[in-house]
């Protein structure tokens, strides 16, 4: 899950992390059916208030790691998705 992803990426130096993670997430935007795109879509197109706090926390961790991407479109949509999560958390 996102906690495992977070620990895995934190322990890597930037060049290794970029090769392992960033290059791959940049490619993910080419296929709208991949999980990361689905997560972003869910955050942007769903009323997140019914989601439990733990689900939103895990989604936020994954979205935060997309900010390492050099793909501006991915970063922008992930930022909007993360704002949706924060907005939902503020209404709890």
N, C-alpha and C. Protein backbone atom coordinates (compact mmCIF):
# COMPACT_ATOMS: atom_id res chain seq x y z
N UNK A 1 0.83 -1.19 0.00
CA UNK A 1 0.00 0.00 0.00
C UNK A 1 0.88 1.25 0.00
N UNK A 2 0.28 2.38 0.23
CA UNK A 2 1.01 3.65 0.15
C UNK A 2 2.09 3.78 1.22
N UNK A 3 1.88 3.19 2.39
CA UNK A 3 2.92 3.23 3.42
C UNK A 3 4.17 2.49 2.96
N UNK A 4 3.98 1.34 2.32
CA UNK A 4 5.11 0.58 1.78
C UNK A 4 5.81 1.37 0.67
N UNK A 5 5.02 1.97 -0.21
CA UNK A 5 5.58 2.80 -1.28
C UNK A 5 6.40 3.94 -0.69
N UNK A 6 5.86 4.61 0.31
CA UNK A 6 6.54 5.73 0.95
C UNK A 6 7.88 5.31 1.55
N UNK A 7 7.88 4.22 2.31
CA UNK A 7 9.14 3.74 2.91
C UNK A 7 10.14 3.33 1.84
N UNK A 8 9.65 2.67 0.80
CA UNK A 8 10.51 2.22 -0.29
C UNK A 8 11.16 3.40 -1.01
N UNK A 9 10.39 4.43 -1.29
CA UNK A 9 10.94 5.58 -2.02
C UNK A 9 11.81 6.46 -1.13
N UNK A 10 11.47 6.59 0.14
CA UNK A 10 12.25 7.42 1.06
C UNK A 10 13.67 6.89 1.23
N UNK A 11 13.84 5.60 1.22
CA UNK A 11 15.16 5.02 1.50
C UNK A 11 16.11 5.06 0.30
N UNK A 12 15.60 5.46 -0.84
CA UNK A 12 16.42 5.50 -2.05
C UNK A 12 17.01 6.90 -2.26
N UNK A 13 18.21 6.94 -2.81
CA UNK A 13 18.78 8.22 -3.21
C UNK A 13 18.07 8.68 -4.48
N UNK A 14 18.09 9.97 -4.72
CA UNK A 14 17.31 10.55 -5.81
C UNK A 14 17.56 9.89 -7.18
N UNK A 15 18.80 9.66 -7.60
CA UNK A 15 18.98 9.03 -8.93
C UNK A 15 18.33 7.66 -9.02
N UNK A 16 18.45 6.86 -7.97
CA UNK A 16 17.84 5.54 -7.98
C UNK A 16 16.32 5.65 -7.94
N UNK A 17 15.81 6.57 -7.12
CA UNK A 17 14.36 6.77 -7.03
C UNK A 17 13.80 7.26 -8.37
N UNK A 18 14.52 8.16 -9.00
CA UNK A 18 14.04 8.66 -10.30
C UNK A 18 13.96 7.54 -11.32
N UNK A 19 14.97 6.69 -11.33
CA UNK A 19 14.97 5.57 -12.28
C UNK A 19 13.86 4.58 -11.94
N UNK A 20 13.68 4.30 -10.67
CA UNK A 20 12.72 3.30 -10.21
C UNK A 20 11.29 3.82 -10.26
N UNK A 21 11.07 5.06 -9.90
CA UNK A 21 9.73 5.59 -9.71
C UNK A 21 9.35 6.65 -10.74
N UNK A 22 10.13 7.69 -10.82
CA UNK A 22 9.74 8.86 -11.61
C UNK A 22 9.59 8.53 -13.09
N UNK A 23 10.50 7.80 -13.64
CA UNK A 23 10.40 7.42 -15.05
C UNK A 23 9.13 6.62 -15.29
N UNK A 24 8.81 5.74 -14.36
CA UNK A 24 7.61 4.90 -14.52
C UNK A 24 6.33 5.71 -14.40
N UNK A 25 6.24 6.62 -13.43
CA UNK A 25 5.00 7.39 -13.32
C UNK A 25 4.83 8.36 -14.48
N UNK A 26 5.93 8.81 -15.06
CA UNK A 26 5.81 9.64 -16.25
C UNK A 26 5.17 8.85 -17.40
N UNK A 27 5.50 7.58 -17.49
CA UNK A 27 4.91 6.71 -18.52
C UNK A 27 3.46 6.41 -18.23
N UNK A 28 3.10 6.37 -16.95
CA UNK A 28 1.74 6.00 -16.56
C UNK A 28 0.69 6.94 -17.13
N UNK A 29 1.06 8.17 -17.38
CA UNK A 29 0.08 9.12 -17.89
C UNK A 29 -0.31 8.82 -19.33
N UNK A 30 0.44 7.94 -19.98
CA UNK A 30 0.13 7.56 -21.34
C UNK A 30 -1.00 6.54 -21.41
N UNK A 31 -1.32 5.90 -20.27
CA UNK A 31 -2.38 4.90 -20.23
C UNK A 31 -3.35 5.24 -19.11
N UNK A 32 -4.50 5.71 -19.48
CA UNK A 32 -5.50 6.19 -18.53
C UNK A 32 -6.10 5.08 -17.67
N UNK A 33 -5.78 3.82 -17.98
CA UNK A 33 -6.36 2.70 -17.24
C UNK A 33 -5.47 2.22 -16.09
N UNK A 34 -4.33 2.84 -15.90
CA UNK A 34 -3.42 2.41 -14.84
C UNK A 34 -3.87 2.94 -13.48
N UNK A 35 -3.47 2.27 -12.40
CA UNK A 35 -3.96 2.62 -11.06
C UNK A 35 -3.72 4.07 -10.65
N UNK A 36 -2.58 4.64 -10.96
CA UNK A 36 -2.32 6.02 -10.55
C UNK A 36 -3.32 6.98 -11.20
N UNK A 37 -3.60 6.78 -12.46
CA UNK A 37 -4.60 7.62 -13.14
C UNK A 37 -5.98 7.40 -12.53
N UNK A 38 -6.28 6.16 -12.17
CA UNK A 38 -7.55 5.87 -11.51
C UNK A 38 -7.67 6.55 -10.16
N UNK A 39 -6.58 6.58 -9.41
CA UNK A 39 -6.58 7.26 -8.11
C UNK A 39 -6.84 8.75 -8.29
N UNK A 40 -6.16 9.36 -9.24
CA UNK A 40 -6.36 10.79 -9.50
C UNK A 40 -7.80 11.05 -9.93
N UNK A 41 -8.30 10.23 -10.82
CA UNK A 41 -9.69 10.38 -11.28
C UNK A 41 -10.67 10.26 -10.12
N UNK A 42 -10.45 9.28 -9.24
CA UNK A 42 -11.32 9.07 -8.09
C UNK A 42 -11.33 10.30 -7.20
N UNK A 43 -10.17 10.86 -6.95
CA UNK A 43 -10.08 12.04 -6.09
C UNK A 43 -10.75 13.26 -6.72
N UNK A 44 -10.66 13.37 -8.02
CA UNK A 44 -11.20 14.55 -8.70
C UNK A 44 -12.69 14.44 -9.00
N UNK A 45 -13.19 13.24 -9.19
CA UNK A 45 -14.56 13.07 -9.68
C UNK A 45 -15.51 12.43 -8.68
N UNK A 46 -15.11 12.33 -7.44
CA UNK A 46 -15.90 11.64 -6.44
C UNK A 46 -16.10 12.54 -5.23
N UNK A 47 -17.23 12.39 -4.61
CA UNK A 47 -17.44 13.04 -3.32
C UNK A 47 -16.65 12.22 -2.30
N UNK A 48 -15.57 12.78 -1.80
CA UNK A 48 -14.65 12.03 -0.92
C UNK A 48 -15.09 12.00 0.53
N UNK A 49 -16.11 12.76 0.88
CA UNK A 49 -16.51 12.85 2.28
C UNK A 49 -16.86 11.48 2.88
N UNK A 50 -17.53 10.58 2.15
CA UNK A 50 -17.82 9.27 2.76
C UNK A 50 -16.57 8.40 2.98
N UNK A 51 -15.46 8.71 2.32
CA UNK A 51 -14.25 7.89 2.47
C UNK A 51 -13.69 8.06 3.87
N UNK A 52 -13.15 6.97 4.41
CA UNK A 52 -12.59 7.10 5.76
C UNK A 52 -11.24 7.81 5.71
N UNK A 53 -10.84 8.32 6.84
CA UNK A 53 -9.62 9.11 6.95
C UNK A 53 -8.39 8.33 6.53
N UNK A 54 -8.33 7.05 6.86
CA UNK A 54 -7.17 6.23 6.51
C UNK A 54 -7.05 6.08 4.99
N UNK A 55 -8.15 5.89 4.31
CA UNK A 55 -8.13 5.80 2.85
C UNK A 55 -7.61 7.09 2.24
N UNK A 56 -8.07 8.21 2.75
CA UNK A 56 -7.63 9.50 2.24
C UNK A 56 -6.16 9.74 2.55
N UNK A 57 -5.70 9.31 3.73
CA UNK A 57 -4.28 9.45 4.09
C UNK A 57 -3.40 8.68 3.11
N UNK A 58 -3.78 7.45 2.82
CA UNK A 58 -3.00 6.62 1.90
C UNK A 58 -3.01 7.19 0.48
N UNK A 59 -4.15 7.70 0.05
CA UNK A 59 -4.22 8.33 -1.27
C UNK A 59 -3.33 9.56 -1.31
N UNK A 60 -3.33 10.35 -0.24
CA UNK A 60 -2.52 11.57 -0.20
C UNK A 60 -1.02 11.25 -0.28
N UNK A 61 -0.59 10.19 0.38
CA UNK A 61 0.82 9.80 0.32
C UNK A 61 1.22 9.47 -1.11
N UNK A 62 0.40 8.68 -1.78
CA UNK A 62 0.70 8.32 -3.16
C UNK A 62 0.73 9.54 -4.06
N UNK A 63 -0.26 10.41 -3.90
CA UNK A 63 -0.30 11.62 -4.72
C UNK A 63 0.90 12.52 -4.46
N UNK A 64 1.33 12.62 -3.22
CA UNK A 64 2.48 13.47 -2.89
C UNK A 64 3.73 12.97 -3.61
N UNK A 65 3.89 11.67 -3.76
CA UNK A 65 5.06 11.15 -4.46
C UNK A 65 5.02 11.43 -5.96
N UNK A 66 3.85 11.76 -6.50
CA UNK A 66 3.81 12.11 -7.92
C UNK A 66 4.46 13.46 -8.19
N UNK A 67 4.68 14.24 -7.14
CA UNK A 67 5.30 15.55 -7.33
C UNK A 67 6.77 15.43 -7.73
N UNK A 68 7.33 14.24 -7.70
CA UNK A 68 8.69 14.04 -8.19
C UNK A 68 8.73 13.97 -9.72
N UNK A 69 7.56 13.86 -10.32
CA UNK A 69 7.48 13.71 -11.77
C UNK A 69 7.94 14.97 -12.50
N UNK A 70 8.56 14.75 -13.65
CA UNK A 70 8.90 15.88 -14.52
C UNK A 70 7.75 16.18 -15.49
N UNK A 71 6.69 15.41 -15.41
CA UNK A 71 5.52 15.59 -16.26
C UNK A 71 4.59 16.63 -15.60
N UNK A 72 4.56 17.82 -16.15
CA UNK A 72 3.80 18.92 -15.55
C UNK A 72 2.31 18.61 -15.46
N UNK A 73 1.76 17.99 -16.46
CA UNK A 73 0.34 17.65 -16.45
C UNK A 73 0.02 16.70 -15.29
N UNK A 74 0.86 15.70 -15.08
CA UNK A 74 0.67 14.77 -13.98
C UNK A 74 0.75 15.50 -12.64
N UNK A 75 1.76 16.33 -12.48
CA UNK A 75 1.90 17.08 -11.22
C UNK A 75 0.69 17.97 -10.97
N UNK A 76 0.22 18.63 -12.02
CA UNK A 76 -0.92 19.54 -11.86
C UNK A 76 -2.18 18.79 -11.46
N UNK A 77 -2.46 17.68 -12.13
CA UNK A 77 -3.69 16.94 -11.79
C UNK A 77 -3.56 16.27 -10.42
N UNK A 78 -2.36 15.82 -10.08
CA UNK A 78 -2.16 15.24 -8.75
C UNK A 78 -2.32 16.31 -7.66
N UNK A 79 -1.89 17.53 -7.94
CA UNK A 79 -2.07 18.63 -6.99
C UNK A 79 -3.56 18.90 -6.77
N UNK A 80 -4.32 18.93 -7.84
CA UNK A 80 -5.76 19.15 -7.72
C UNK A 80 -6.43 18.01 -6.96
N UNK A 81 -5.97 16.80 -7.21
CA UNK A 81 -6.52 15.64 -6.50
C UNK A 81 -6.21 15.72 -5.00
N UNK A 82 -4.99 16.13 -4.67
CA UNK A 82 -4.61 16.26 -3.27
C UNK A 82 -5.42 17.37 -2.59
N UNK A 83 -5.69 18.43 -3.29
CA UNK A 83 -6.53 19.50 -2.74
C UNK A 83 -7.94 18.96 -2.46
N UNK A 84 -8.44 18.10 -3.32
CA UNK A 84 -9.74 17.48 -3.08
C UNK A 84 -9.74 16.68 -1.79
N UNK A 85 -8.64 15.97 -1.54
CA UNK A 85 -8.53 15.20 -0.30
C UNK A 85 -8.51 16.14 0.90
N UNK A 86 -7.69 17.18 0.84
CA UNK A 86 -7.63 18.13 1.97
C UNK A 86 -8.98 18.79 2.21
N UNK A 87 -9.68 19.12 1.15
CA UNK A 87 -11.00 19.72 1.28
C UNK A 87 -11.96 18.75 1.98
N UNK A 88 -11.91 17.49 1.59
CA UNK A 88 -12.77 16.49 2.21
C UNK A 88 -12.43 16.33 3.69
N UNK A 89 -11.14 16.35 4.02
CA UNK A 89 -10.72 16.20 5.42
C UNK A 89 -11.16 17.39 6.26
N UNK A 90 -11.20 18.56 5.68
CA UNK A 90 -11.62 19.75 6.42
C UNK A 90 -13.12 19.71 6.78
N UNK A 91 -13.87 18.94 6.01
CA UNK A 91 -15.32 18.87 6.27
C UNK A 91 -15.68 17.80 7.29
N UNK A 92 -14.71 16.98 7.70
CA UNK A 92 -15.00 15.94 8.70
C UNK A 92 -15.24 16.55 10.05
